[in-house]
């Protein structure tokens, strides 16, 4: 899929900077919190239960905003006094409900999530019949020849039988269909899509880091996993600029309604171009930390160097920031492509797969880290996590001490001996609590009870001193931090089968979960000096709920709703 990022003009300057050492990890210095200028108050939030996230002063009653910064945090009387004379300031009465820092989703696929809002929805299709019916009904609303993508199906809902192209060919004779499992590591193509990709009759029997499923007669079933998915991806028509712009707008509206003020986007250079276009037009309502593929690290280093030498801000600004790289070690648990030390319980001859070889990953991580870039790599299975921790240690030894903040995206299944290594090596565990209450319905059938004890090990990681950042993995899971808080605190699975929590020893306290959705996310993007806490001088990103989460049973957390979402002092969502 072609990129749309402007070409780099000052390659000589870029190479010179690269040769001279690592790139800086932070933006241009901004005023510290205590240096915030005394500008007129523009917004007040009063009569609230304000959780500031500031360990020195965790609770307050009200906040005052001046422009895009917090001007005061204290009692309602304090902030009203600070606003004296500001006749045009808006006042929001929190009515005793919780007010907190804007929620940060530390792992999303933002544009794809926006596109999913207008594609066929299969996430809750609970039978083969529902799966087929929804695809057929959606196809009937689209012109012949239009590709049908998205889907996010979950075969565990209908007993675990994987879909076959024969299920849907009759209802989609004129539409290529390419719908993915909800984890994004497996997808189903109908016959029309396979023909478009040149795969109906034959396909490689071996794809490094992926598989093309076949039945007992050798027929391609239409299911492709991990790297094999590129065989179809390459022929799917790209979205237009207008489609991408609409998807971004839809995504920003959707997360604002859920209290999210910042996201860490795992995507492509093309995605970055969409964000840049919106930023130039002044359309961004969500702050974005945009990661690009790990194997493009030289391009990212050159881009930052060229921008630093010019007038375009190096790594960006408070709305759109670059500098991060996303890579992969393995696939997913539900697709049987996560890499484990021991075989799957239900498939004794299968230990999953590595999407990239250890040697290739080592080269990419070493080069990116040497250039001062921020490395974040997906690892699901315990073998994948161990390998990645080893590679991070090797890179740190080779490149010397610095504030690098390596990230492991998902850190899903951990061997007990590897849990302390996160804190010891300063590796951030970027985790998604909703996955725990979703996967907990079926995970033990795949890996057994013993290994499940190290699944989404929130409690163990926090207890060993690791930095933990919470997110959703949207489109894979809903971008709903309130559900994520509920999941982290209760670990009650979606099917209601674990009322005391699945692996309850890994539950965390509400304040710990909130910190992972705020300060944890800010730390994970090198922005902890400007967001993640409600203290004077910080960015005025905050959320007002309809109740006090600390005053209700944990089981009711997911029932709370967002009343207001404020980004940069501007109300971007009002219920």
Protein backbone atom coordinates (compact mmCIF):
# COMPACT_ATOMS: atom_id res chain seq x y z
CA UNK A 1 0.00 0.00 0.00
CA UNK A 2 1.69 3.27 -1.05
CA UNK A 3 2.71 5.87 1.50
CA UNK A 4 1.63 9.49 1.27
CA UNK A 5 4.19 11.15 3.50
CA UNK A 6 6.04 14.07 1.97
CA UNK A 7 9.57 13.23 0.72
CA UNK A 8 12.51 14.12 2.94
CA UNK A 9 14.57 16.95 1.50
CA UNK A 10 17.50 17.22 3.89
CA UNK A 11 18.91 13.70 3.87
CA UNK A 12 22.47 14.98 4.27
CA UNK A 13 21.53 16.76 7.47
CA UNK A 14 19.66 13.67 8.64
CA UNK A 15 22.61 11.39 8.06
CA UNK A 16 24.92 13.80 9.81
CA UNK A 17 22.73 13.78 12.88
CA UNK A 18 22.46 10.02 12.77
CA UNK A 19 26.22 9.69 12.60
CA UNK A 20 26.61 11.97 15.59
CA UNK A 21 24.56 9.88 18.02
CA UNK A 22 21.04 9.24 19.17
CA UNK A 23 18.20 11.60 18.47
CA UNK A 24 16.69 13.47 21.42
CA UNK A 25 13.83 11.68 23.18
CA UNK A 26 11.71 14.71 24.06
CA UNK A 27 10.12 17.71 22.45
CA UNK A 28 11.35 21.26 22.85
CA UNK A 29 11.27 22.09 26.55
CA UNK A 30 8.03 23.55 27.86
CA UNK A 31 7.35 25.48 31.06
CA UNK A 32 7.26 23.29 34.16
CA UNK A 33 3.96 23.00 36.02
CA UNK A 34 4.87 25.62 38.62
CA UNK A 35 5.79 28.08 35.87
CA UNK A 36 2.29 28.24 34.38
CA UNK A 37 1.46 31.86 33.44
CA UNK A 38 -1.43 33.63 35.17
CA UNK A 39 -3.81 33.88 32.21
CA UNK A 40 -7.59 34.37 32.45
CA UNK A 41 -9.62 31.34 33.51
CA UNK A 42 -11.72 29.92 30.67
CA UNK A 43 -13.25 26.80 32.27
CA UNK A 44 -14.14 25.70 35.80
CA UNK A 45 -15.10 22.22 37.02
CA UNK A 46 -16.49 22.46 40.55
CA UNK A 47 -18.12 20.34 43.28
CA UNK A 48 -16.38 17.19 42.14
CA UNK A 49 -14.49 14.28 43.61
CA UNK A 50 -11.27 15.17 41.80
CA UNK A 51 -8.68 12.41 41.60
CA UNK A 52 -5.56 14.31 40.51
CA UNK A 53 -3.17 11.42 39.99
CA UNK A 54 -0.63 13.49 41.97
CA UNK A 55 0.76 11.23 44.72
CA UNK A 56 1.57 14.27 46.88
CA UNK A 57 -2.00 15.60 46.68
CA UNK A 58 -4.29 12.95 45.22
CA UNK A 59 -7.66 14.56 45.99
CA UNK A 60 -9.29 17.92 45.35
CA UNK A 61 -12.74 19.35 44.73
CA UNK A 62 -12.37 21.56 41.65
CA UNK A 63 -10.09 22.64 38.83
CA UNK A 64 -9.66 25.83 36.83
CA UNK A 65 -8.42 25.95 33.24
CA UNK A 66 -6.68 28.81 31.44
CA UNK A 67 -6.48 28.24 27.71
CA UNK A 68 -5.10 24.74 27.20
CA UNK A 69 -3.48 24.43 30.66
CA UNK A 70 -4.62 23.76 34.19
CA UNK A 71 -4.46 26.97 36.23
CA UNK A 72 -5.56 25.81 39.68
CA UNK A 73 -6.57 22.65 41.56
CA UNK A 74 -8.22 22.87 44.97
CA UNK A 75 -11.55 23.55 46.61
CA UNK A 76 -14.49 24.99 44.73
CA UNK A 77 -13.97 28.26 46.63
CA UNK A 78 -10.25 28.26 45.65
CA UNK A 79 -10.83 27.92 41.94
CA UNK A 80 -13.75 30.33 41.86
CA UNK A 81 -11.50 32.89 43.54
CA UNK A 82 -8.85 32.19 40.89
CA UNK A 83 -11.52 32.85 38.23
CA UNK A 84 -12.74 36.10 39.77
CA UNK A 85 -13.33 38.62 37.01
CA UNK A 86 -13.39 35.98 34.24
CA UNK A 87 -16.97 36.69 33.24
CA UNK A 88 -16.85 34.45 30.16
CA UNK A 89 -15.49 31.35 31.92
CA UNK A 90 -17.72 28.29 31.60
CA UNK A 91 -18.52 26.40 34.80
CA UNK A 92 -19.29 22.66 34.93
CA UNK A 93 -20.87 21.30 38.10
CA UNK A 94 -19.54 17.78 38.63
CA UNK A 95 -22.26 17.10 41.22
CA UNK A 96 -20.03 14.98 43.44
CA UNK A 97 -18.95 12.64 40.64
CA UNK A 98 -15.41 11.63 39.77
CA UNK A 99 -13.23 14.05 37.82
CA UNK A 100 -9.87 12.79 36.63
CA UNK A 101 -7.07 13.25 34.10
CA UNK A 102 -8.01 12.55 30.51
CA UNK A 103 -7.81 8.82 29.84
CA UNK A 104 -4.94 7.62 27.64
CA UNK A 105 -5.42 4.56 25.46
CA UNK A 106 -1.88 3.28 25.10
CA UNK A 107 -2.52 0.86 22.22
CA UNK A 108 -4.98 1.41 19.39
CA UNK A 109 -5.26 1.02 15.64
CA UNK A 110 -7.05 4.33 15.38
CA UNK A 111 -7.88 4.68 11.70
CA UNK A 112 -8.83 1.04 11.36
CA UNK A 113 -11.10 1.46 14.36
CA UNK A 114 -12.76 4.41 12.64
CA UNK A 115 -13.24 2.40 9.45
CA UNK A 116 -14.72 -0.48 11.46
CA UNK A 117 -17.52 1.79 12.65
CA UNK A 118 -18.98 1.65 9.13
CA UNK A 119 -18.11 -1.95 8.16
CA UNK A 120 -19.85 -5.28 8.75
CA UNK A 121 -19.91 -6.19 12.45
CA UNK A 122 -19.37 -9.84 13.35
CA UNK A 123 -17.94 -9.48 16.87
CA UNK A 124 -21.07 -10.82 18.58
CA UNK A 125 -22.23 -13.20 15.83
CA UNK A 126 -23.02 -16.21 18.02
CA UNK A 127 -23.63 -18.86 15.36
CA UNK A 128 -22.58 -19.91 11.87
CA UNK A 129 -26.00 -18.80 10.66
CA UNK A 130 -25.63 -15.31 12.15
CA UNK A 131 -22.13 -15.01 10.67
CA UNK A 132 -23.38 -15.85 7.18
CA UNK A 133 -26.57 -13.81 7.47
CA UNK A 134 -24.77 -10.62 8.52
CA UNK A 135 -22.22 -10.83 5.72
CA UNK A 136 -24.94 -11.46 3.14
CA UNK A 137 -27.11 -8.60 4.43
CA UNK A 138 -24.19 -6.19 4.42
CA UNK A 139 -23.17 -7.22 0.91
CA UNK A 140 -26.69 -6.46 -0.30
CA UNK A 141 -26.18 -2.80 0.67
CA UNK A 142 -22.97 -2.40 -1.31
CA UNK A 143 -22.39 -2.14 -5.10
CA UNK A 144 -21.20 -5.27 -6.85
CA UNK A 145 -17.43 -5.57 -6.79
CA UNK A 146 -17.04 -3.66 -3.52
CA UNK A 147 -14.68 -5.34 -1.05
CA UNK A 148 -16.19 -6.28 2.30
CA UNK A 149 -13.61 -6.04 5.06
CA UNK A 150 -13.45 -5.71 8.84
CA UNK A 151 -15.76 -8.13 10.63
CA UNK A 152 -13.89 -9.07 13.85
CA UNK A 153 -15.49 -12.50 14.21
CA UNK A 154 -14.97 -14.79 17.18
CA UNK A 155 -15.36 -18.49 16.40
CA UNK A 156 -15.40 -19.38 20.10
CA UNK A 157 -18.95 -17.98 20.22
CA UNK A 158 -20.24 -20.81 18.02
CA UNK A 159 -18.28 -23.68 19.52
CA UNK A 160 -14.82 -23.11 18.07
CA UNK A 161 -15.39 -24.35 14.49
CA UNK A 162 -13.37 -22.16 12.13
CA UNK A 163 -15.27 -20.59 9.22
CA UNK A 164 -14.77 -21.72 5.64
CA UNK A 165 -15.21 -19.75 2.41
CA UNK A 166 -17.90 -22.26 1.43
CA UNK A 167 -20.07 -20.76 4.18
CA UNK A 168 -20.30 -17.37 2.51
CA UNK A 169 -19.69 -17.84 -1.22
CA UNK A 170 -23.40 -18.23 -2.00
CA UNK A 171 -24.34 -14.92 -0.31
CA UNK A 172 -21.42 -12.95 -1.78
CA UNK A 173 -21.10 -14.01 -5.43
CA UNK A 174 -20.17 -10.49 -6.63
CA UNK A 175 -18.28 -9.16 -3.61
CA UNK A 176 -14.74 -10.08 -2.55
CA UNK A 177 -14.88 -10.72 1.22
CA UNK A 178 -11.87 -10.45 3.53
CA UNK A 179 -13.01 -10.45 7.16
CA UNK A 180 -10.66 -10.90 10.07
CA UNK A 181 -10.89 -12.65 13.40
CA UNK A 182 -11.20 -10.13 16.22
CA UNK A 183 -7.50 -10.38 17.13
CA UNK A 184 -6.40 -9.39 13.62
CA UNK A 185 -4.09 -12.42 13.26
CA UNK A 186 -6.39 -14.57 11.13
CA UNK A 187 -8.83 -13.69 8.35
CA UNK A 188 -11.31 -15.42 6.03
CA UNK A 189 -11.40 -14.79 2.28
CA UNK A 190 -14.25 -15.90 0.07
CA UNK A 191 -13.60 -17.38 -3.35
CA UNK A 192 -13.89 -13.99 -5.07
CA UNK A 193 -11.20 -12.54 -2.82
CA UNK A 194 -8.92 -15.54 -3.33
CA UNK A 195 -9.32 -15.19 -7.10
CA UNK A 196 -8.44 -11.51 -6.90
CA UNK A 197 -5.27 -12.50 -5.03
CA UNK A 198 -4.50 -15.34 -7.45
CA UNK A 199 -4.88 -17.97 -4.71
CA UNK A 200 -8.01 -19.96 -5.55
CA UNK A 201 -6.21 -22.94 -7.05
CA UNK A 202 -2.82 -22.79 -5.44
CA UNK A 203 -0.93 -20.93 -2.75
CA UNK A 204 2.40 -21.35 -1.03
CA UNK A 205 2.21 -24.26 1.38
CA UNK A 206 4.72 -22.53 3.62
CA UNK A 207 4.74 -18.81 4.38
CA UNK A 208 7.43 -17.74 6.81
CA UNK A 209 5.68 -16.47 9.90
CA UNK A 210 2.20 -17.45 8.69
CA UNK A 211 -0.01 -20.21 7.29
CA UNK A 212 -2.58 -20.81 4.55
CA UNK A 213 -5.15 -23.26 5.92
CA UNK A 214 -6.19 -26.27 3.84
CA UNK A 215 -8.74 -29.02 4.38
CA UNK A 216 -8.04 -32.76 4.31
CA UNK A 217 -8.18 -32.76 0.46
CA UNK A 218 -5.65 -29.92 0.22
CA UNK A 219 -8.26 -27.31 -0.70
CA UNK A 220 -7.64 -23.75 0.50
CA UNK A 221 -10.33 -23.03 3.08
CA UNK A 222 -9.99 -19.26 2.82
CA UNK A 223 -8.36 -18.87 6.24
CA UNK A 224 -4.96 -17.18 6.28
CA UNK A 225 -2.92 -16.44 9.40
CA UNK A 226 -0.40 -13.74 10.28
CA UNK A 227 2.21 -13.17 7.54
CA UNK A 228 0.16 -15.18 5.03
CA UNK A 229 -2.56 -12.54 5.27
CA UNK A 230 -0.37 -10.27 3.15
CA UNK A 231 -1.21 -12.48 0.16
CA UNK A 232 -4.71 -10.99 0.17
CA UNK A 233 -3.98 -7.67 1.87
CA UNK A 234 -1.86 -6.63 -1.11
CA UNK A 235 -4.85 -6.67 -3.50
CA UNK A 236 -7.41 -4.95 -1.26
CA UNK A 237 -8.04 -1.48 -2.71
CA UNK A 238 -6.77 1.28 -0.41
CA UNK A 239 -9.23 3.68 1.13
CA UNK A 240 -9.46 7.13 -0.43
CA UNK A 241 -8.19 10.20 1.38
CA UNK A 242 -11.80 11.20 1.97
CA UNK A 243 -12.61 7.78 3.45
CA UNK A 244 -9.61 8.01 5.77
CA UNK A 245 -10.52 11.52 6.87
CA UNK A 246 -14.06 10.37 7.70
CA UNK A 247 -12.70 7.37 9.58
CA UNK A 248 -10.42 9.60 11.67
CA UNK A 249 -13.26 11.99 12.49
CA UNK A 250 -15.48 9.05 13.47
CA UNK A 251 -12.73 7.55 15.63
CA UNK A 252 -12.13 10.84 17.47
CA UNK A 253 -15.83 11.28 18.18
CA UNK A 254 -16.14 7.69 19.35
CA UNK A 255 -13.29 7.80 21.86
CA UNK A 256 -14.22 11.28 23.12
CA UNK A 257 -17.60 9.87 24.14
CA UNK A 258 -15.68 7.36 26.24
CA UNK A 259 -13.37 9.80 28.01
CA UNK A 260 -10.25 9.17 25.92
CA UNK A 261 -8.12 12.27 25.30
CA UNK A 262 -4.91 10.68 23.95
CA UNK A 263 -4.13 7.53 21.99
CA UNK A 264 -0.98 5.64 21.08
CA UNK A 265 -1.59 4.56 17.50
CA UNK A 266 0.11 1.46 16.08
CA UNK A 267 0.05 1.88 12.33
CA UNK A 268 1.68 2.93 9.10
CA UNK A 269 3.23 5.90 7.33
CA UNK A 270 0.02 6.32 5.41
CA UNK A 271 -1.87 6.62 8.69
CA UNK A 272 0.60 9.27 9.80
CA UNK A 273 -0.11 11.26 6.66
CA UNK A 274 -3.84 11.21 7.51
CA UNK A 275 -3.10 12.53 11.00
CA UNK A 276 -0.79 15.23 9.62
CA UNK A 277 -3.46 16.35 7.19
CA UNK A 278 -5.97 16.68 10.02
CA UNK A 279 -3.44 18.48 12.22
CA UNK A 280 -2.65 21.06 9.56
CA UNK A 281 -6.38 21.65 9.11
CA UNK A 282 -6.88 22.08 12.88
CA UNK A 283 -9.22 19.07 13.05
CA UNK A 284 -7.52 16.99 15.73
CA UNK A 285 -9.63 16.55 18.85
CA UNK A 286 -7.61 13.58 20.17
CA UNK A 287 -3.88 13.73 20.93
CA UNK A 288 -1.99 11.08 18.95
CA UNK A 289 1.36 9.38 19.53
CA UNK A 290 1.85 7.66 16.17
CA UNK A 291 4.05 4.60 15.76
CA UNK A 292 5.21 3.36 12.36
CA UNK A 293 6.59 -0.10 11.43
CA UNK A 294 9.83 -1.13 13.13
CA UNK A 295 11.48 -2.13 9.86
CA UNK A 296 11.19 1.49 8.66
CA UNK A 297 13.33 2.89 11.47
CA UNK A 298 15.92 4.51 9.12
CA UNK A 299 13.12 6.49 7.45
CA UNK A 300 11.80 7.62 10.83
CA UNK A 301 15.25 8.67 11.99
CA UNK A 302 15.77 10.67 8.80
CA UNK A 303 12.31 12.24 9.11
CA UNK A 304 12.97 13.44 12.66
CA UNK A 305 16.42 14.69 11.76
CA UNK A 306 15.10 16.62 8.78
CA UNK A 307 12.28 18.16 10.81
CA UNK A 308 14.66 19.07 13.60
CA UNK A 309 16.92 20.82 11.12
CA UNK A 310 13.95 22.66 9.60
CA UNK A 311 11.04 24.42 11.19
CA UNK A 312 8.54 21.60 11.61
CA UNK A 313 9.19 20.60 15.21
CA UNK A 314 11.30 17.43 15.23
CA UNK A 315 9.08 14.86 16.89
CA UNK A 316 5.94 16.97 16.78
CA UNK A 317 3.88 18.82 19.34
CA UNK A 318 1.23 18.22 21.98
CA UNK A 319 -1.33 17.09 19.38
CA UNK A 320 0.66 14.81 17.10
CA UNK A 321 3.91 13.19 18.04
CA UNK A 322 6.20 10.69 16.28
CA UNK A 323 9.28 8.75 17.36
CA UNK A 324 7.82 5.31 18.10
CA UNK A 325 8.21 2.08 16.14
CA UNK A 326 5.98 -1.01 16.31
CA UNK A 327 7.24 -4.52 15.59
CA UNK A 328 6.10 -8.11 16.11
CA UNK A 329 7.53 -11.23 17.67
CA UNK A 330 4.57 -13.60 17.31
CA UNK A 331 0.86 -13.82 16.55
CA UNK A 332 -2.09 -14.34 18.91
CA UNK A 333 -3.45 -16.93 21.32
CA UNK A 334 -6.86 -17.31 19.65
CA UNK A 335 -5.25 -17.97 16.27
CA UNK A 336 -2.77 -20.48 17.74
CA UNK A 337 0.08 -18.31 16.43
CA UNK A 338 1.41 -17.02 19.78
CA UNK A 339 4.88 -18.41 20.52
CA UNK A 340 5.07 -20.58 23.66
CA UNK A 341 7.90 -22.35 25.45
CA UNK A 342 5.73 -25.49 25.76
CA UNK A 343 3.15 -26.74 23.24
CA UNK A 344 -0.49 -25.67 23.28
CA UNK A 345 -2.55 -27.82 25.61
CA UNK A 346 -5.10 -28.56 22.88
CA UNK A 347 -2.46 -29.03 20.15
CA UNK A 348 0.50 -30.94 21.60
CA UNK A 349 2.51 -30.67 18.38
CA UNK A 350 2.17 -26.87 18.11
CA UNK A 351 4.12 -24.16 19.98
CA UNK A 352 2.96 -21.28 17.79
CA UNK A 353 5.18 -19.27 15.49
CA UNK A 354 7.55 -16.33 15.27
CA UNK A 355 6.46 -13.62 12.84
CA UNK A 356 10.08 -12.43 12.61
CA UNK A 357 13.28 -14.35 13.19
CA UNK A 358 15.24 -13.51 16.35
CA UNK A 359 18.18 -12.40 14.19
CA UNK A 360 16.05 -9.99 12.15
CA UNK A 361 14.42 -8.57 15.28
CA UNK A 362 17.79 -8.11 16.94
CA UNK A 363 19.09 -6.08 13.99
CA UNK A 364 15.99 -3.87 13.88
CA UNK A 365 15.88 -3.22 17.63
CA UNK A 366 19.60 -2.54 17.86
CA UNK A 367 19.54 -0.08 14.95
CA UNK A 368 16.41 1.75 16.06
CA UNK A 369 17.58 2.04 19.65
CA UNK A 370 21.02 3.25 18.62
CA UNK A 371 19.31 6.10 16.75
CA UNK A 372 17.39 7.14 19.88
CA UNK A 373 14.03 5.94 18.64
CA UNK A 374 11.31 4.44 20.83
CA UNK A 375 10.83 0.70 20.30
CA UNK A 376 7.53 -1.04 21.05
CA UNK A 377 7.12 -4.70 20.05
CA UNK A 378 4.13 -7.05 20.16
CA UNK A 379 4.66 -10.23 22.20
CA UNK A 380 1.89 -12.61 23.29
CA UNK A 381 3.27 -16.05 24.21
CA UNK A 382 5.75 -16.66 27.03
CA UNK A 383 8.45 -17.67 24.53
CA UNK A 384 7.90 -14.44 22.58
CA UNK A 385 8.06 -12.31 25.73
CA UNK A 386 11.23 -14.02 26.95
CA UNK A 387 12.88 -13.58 23.56
CA UNK A 388 11.95 -9.90 23.45
CA UNK A 389 13.22 -9.24 26.97
CA UNK A 390 16.51 -10.90 25.94
CA UNK A 391 16.77 -8.70 22.85
CA UNK A 392 16.02 -5.53 24.84
CA UNK A 393 18.74 -6.42 27.32
CA UNK A 394 21.19 -7.00 24.48
CA UNK A 395 20.38 -3.65 22.86
CA UNK A 396 20.74 -1.76 26.15
CA UNK A 397 24.14 -3.33 26.78
CA UNK A 398 25.31 -2.60 23.25
CA UNK A 399 24.04 0.99 23.05
CA UNK A 400 24.69 2.12 26.61
CA UNK A 401 22.53 3.77 29.27
CA UNK A 402 19.75 6.22 28.35
CA UNK A 403 16.06 6.80 29.03
CA UNK A 404 14.81 4.44 26.33
CA UNK A 405 11.49 3.14 27.79
CA UNK A 406 11.31 -0.03 25.74
CA UNK A 407 7.72 -1.30 25.49
CA UNK A 408 6.26 -4.77 25.19
CA UNK A 409 2.83 -4.53 23.61
CA UNK A 410 0.37 -6.94 25.27
CA UNK A 411 2.89 -8.82 27.49
CA UNK A 412 0.09 -11.33 27.61
CA UNK A 413 1.50 -14.64 28.84
CA UNK A 414 4.56 -14.42 31.08
CA UNK A 415 6.69 -17.14 32.64
CA UNK A 416 7.08 -16.35 36.37
CA UNK A 417 10.85 -15.92 36.07
CA UNK A 418 10.40 -13.19 33.44
CA UNK A 419 8.00 -10.94 35.38
CA UNK A 420 10.72 -9.18 37.49
CA UNK A 421 12.73 -8.45 34.35
CA UNK A 422 10.32 -5.68 33.30
CA UNK A 423 11.12 -3.48 36.29
CA UNK A 424 14.78 -4.48 36.38
CA UNK A 425 15.29 -3.38 32.77
CA UNK A 426 12.85 -0.45 32.70
CA UNK A 427 10.59 -2.18 30.16
CA UNK A 428 7.01 -0.89 30.01
CA UNK A 429 4.22 -3.47 29.99
CA UNK A 430 1.62 -2.03 27.57
CA UNK A 431 -1.44 -4.13 28.40
CA UNK A 432 -5.15 -4.28 27.60
CA UNK A 433 -7.37 -5.29 30.55
CA UNK A 434 -10.48 -6.00 28.45
CA UNK A 435 -8.61 -8.87 26.79
CA UNK A 436 -8.37 -10.61 30.17
CA UNK A 437 -12.15 -10.84 30.63
CA UNK A 438 -12.61 -11.77 26.98
CA UNK A 439 -9.83 -14.36 26.58
CA UNK A 440 -10.54 -15.74 30.06
CA UNK A 441 -13.62 -17.46 28.63
CA UNK A 442 -11.53 -19.93 26.65
CA UNK A 443 -7.79 -19.43 27.23
CA UNK A 444 -7.31 -22.31 29.68
CA UNK A 445 -8.49 -24.80 27.05
CA UNK A 446 -5.53 -23.68 24.92
CA UNK A 447 -2.75 -23.31 27.52
CA UNK A 448 -3.98 -24.96 30.73
CA UNK A 449 -4.46 -23.60 34.24
CA UNK A 450 -0.78 -23.40 35.24
CA UNK A 451 0.21 -21.10 32.38
CA UNK A 452 -2.97 -19.09 32.80
CA UNK A 453 -1.64 -17.90 36.18
CA UNK A 454 0.82 -15.70 34.29
CA UNK A 455 -1.77 -14.28 31.89
CA UNK A 456 -2.30 -10.50 32.02
CA UNK A 457 -0.25 -10.43 35.22
CA UNK A 458 -1.20 -6.87 36.24
CA UNK A 459 -0.75 -7.43 39.98
CA UNK A 460 2.60 -9.19 39.71
CA UNK A 461 4.06 -6.60 37.35
CA UNK A 462 2.97 -3.66 39.53
CA UNK A 463 4.22 -5.39 42.69
CA UNK A 464 7.67 -5.83 41.15
CA UNK A 465 7.82 -2.11 40.28
CA UNK A 466 7.20 -2.29 36.54
CA UNK A 467 5.69 0.61 34.63
CA UNK A 468 2.29 -0.49 33.32
CA UNK A 469 0.28 1.37 30.67
CA UNK A 470 -3.28 0.32 29.89
CA UNK A 471 -5.07 0.50 26.54
CA UNK A 472 -7.69 -1.27 24.48
CA UNK A 473 -6.13 -2.59 21.25
CA UNK A 474 -9.14 -1.11 19.38
CA UNK A 475 -10.33 -2.33 16.78
CA UNK A 476 -9.55 -5.71 18.39
CA UNK A 477 -11.41 -4.69 21.57
CA UNK A 478 -13.67 -1.73 22.37
CA UNK A 479 -11.89 1.55 23.27
CA UNK A 480 -13.81 1.85 26.53
CA UNK A 481 -11.56 2.62 29.53
CA UNK A 482 -14.44 2.23 31.97
CA UNK A 483 -14.81 -1.37 30.86
CA UNK A 484 -11.03 -1.68 31.05
CA UNK A 485 -11.05 -0.41 34.64
CA UNK A 486 -13.80 -2.89 35.47
CA UNK A 487 -11.77 -5.68 33.88
CA UNK A 488 -8.55 -4.84 35.73
CA UNK A 489 -10.28 -4.50 39.10
CA UNK A 490 -12.68 -7.49 38.91
CA UNK A 491 -11.34 -9.81 36.17
CA UNK A 492 -14.90 -11.10 35.76
CA UNK A 493 -15.11 -12.78 32.35
CA UNK A 494 -17.72 -11.71 29.80
CA UNK A 495 -19.58 -15.01 30.09
CA UNK A 496 -20.16 -14.57 33.83
CA UNK A 497 -18.34 -17.82 34.60
CA UNK A 498 -15.85 -16.24 37.02
CA UNK A 499 -17.77 -14.05 39.50
CA UNK A 500 -14.70 -13.80 41.75
CA UNK A 501 -12.43 -13.05 38.82
CA UNK A 502 -10.43 -15.14 36.37
CA UNK A 503 -6.99 -15.56 37.97
CA UNK A 504 -8.14 -13.28 40.82
CA UNK A 505 -4.62 -12.98 42.24
CA UNK A 506 -3.89 -10.59 39.33
CA UNK A 507 -6.64 -8.09 40.18
CA UNK A 508 -5.53 -4.53 40.95
CA UNK A 509 -6.99 -1.65 42.95
CA UNK A 510 -9.04 1.03 41.19
CA UNK A 511 -6.43 3.72 41.79
CA UNK A 512 -3.71 1.51 40.31
CA UNK A 513 -5.84 0.88 37.23
CA UNK A 514 -6.61 4.59 36.84
CA UNK A 515 -2.91 5.39 37.09
CA UNK A 516 -2.17 2.90 34.30
CA UNK A 517 -4.78 4.65 32.10
CA UNK A 518 -3.36 8.12 32.83
CA UNK A 519 0.17 8.61 34.17
CA UNK A 520 1.18 5.17 32.86
CA UNK A 521 0.19 6.10 29.33
CA UNK A 522 1.87 9.49 29.61
CA UNK A 523 5.11 7.85 30.76
CA UNK A 524 4.90 5.35 27.90
CA UNK A 525 5.03 8.20 25.36
CA UNK A 526 7.62 10.38 27.13
CA UNK A 527 4.89 12.89 28.00
CA UNK A 528 4.68 12.50 31.77
CA UNK A 529 5.86 16.10 32.18
CA UNK A 530 2.66 17.45 30.59
CA UNK A 531 -0.20 14.95 30.91
CA UNK A 532 -1.51 12.17 33.09
CA UNK A 533 -2.02 14.30 36.23
CA UNK A 534 -4.25 17.22 37.23
CA UNK A 535 -1.74 19.74 38.55
CA UNK A 536 -1.25 23.43 37.61
CA UNK A 537 0.65 23.85 34.35
CA UNK A 538 -0.26 20.45 32.93
CA UNK A 539 -2.33 20.14 29.77
CA UNK A 540 -6.02 20.66 30.48
CA UNK A 541 -7.13 17.16 29.48
CA UNK A 542 -9.76 15.80 31.84
CA UNK A 543 -12.89 13.69 32.10
CA UNK A 544 -16.03 14.17 34.21
CA UNK A 545 -18.05 11.04 34.99
CA UNK A 546 -21.63 10.65 36.19
CA UNK A 547 -20.67 9.04 39.51
CA UNK A 548 -17.77 8.52 41.91
CA UNK A 549 -16.08 5.23 40.97
CA UNK A 550 -14.47 5.04 44.40
CA UNK A 551 -17.88 5.14 46.07
CA UNK A 552 -19.53 2.24 44.23
CA UNK A 553 -18.96 -1.54 44.21
CA UNK A 554 -16.26 -2.52 41.68
CA UNK A 555 -18.82 -4.60 39.79
CA UNK A 556 -20.65 -1.38 38.86
CA UNK A 557 -17.67 0.46 37.36
CA UNK A 558 -18.57 -0.47 33.80
CA UNK A 559 -22.04 1.03 34.27
CA UNK A 560 -20.60 4.54 34.73
CA UNK A 561 -20.87 7.02 31.88
CA UNK A 562 -18.83 9.99 30.73
CA UNK A 563 -20.54 13.38 31.09
CA UNK A 564 -17.79 15.62 29.72
CA UNK A 565 -14.48 15.09 27.95
CA UNK A 566 -12.10 18.07 27.81
CA UNK A 567 -8.98 18.21 25.63
CA UNK A 568 -6.70 21.22 25.81
CA UNK A 569 -9.31 23.14 27.79
CA UNK A 570 -11.99 22.59 25.13
CA UNK A 571 -15.08 20.46 25.70
CA UNK A 572 -14.97 17.88 22.91
CA UNK A 573 -17.79 15.72 24.24
CA UNK A 574 -20.81 16.61 26.34
CA UNK A 575 -23.40 14.00 27.15
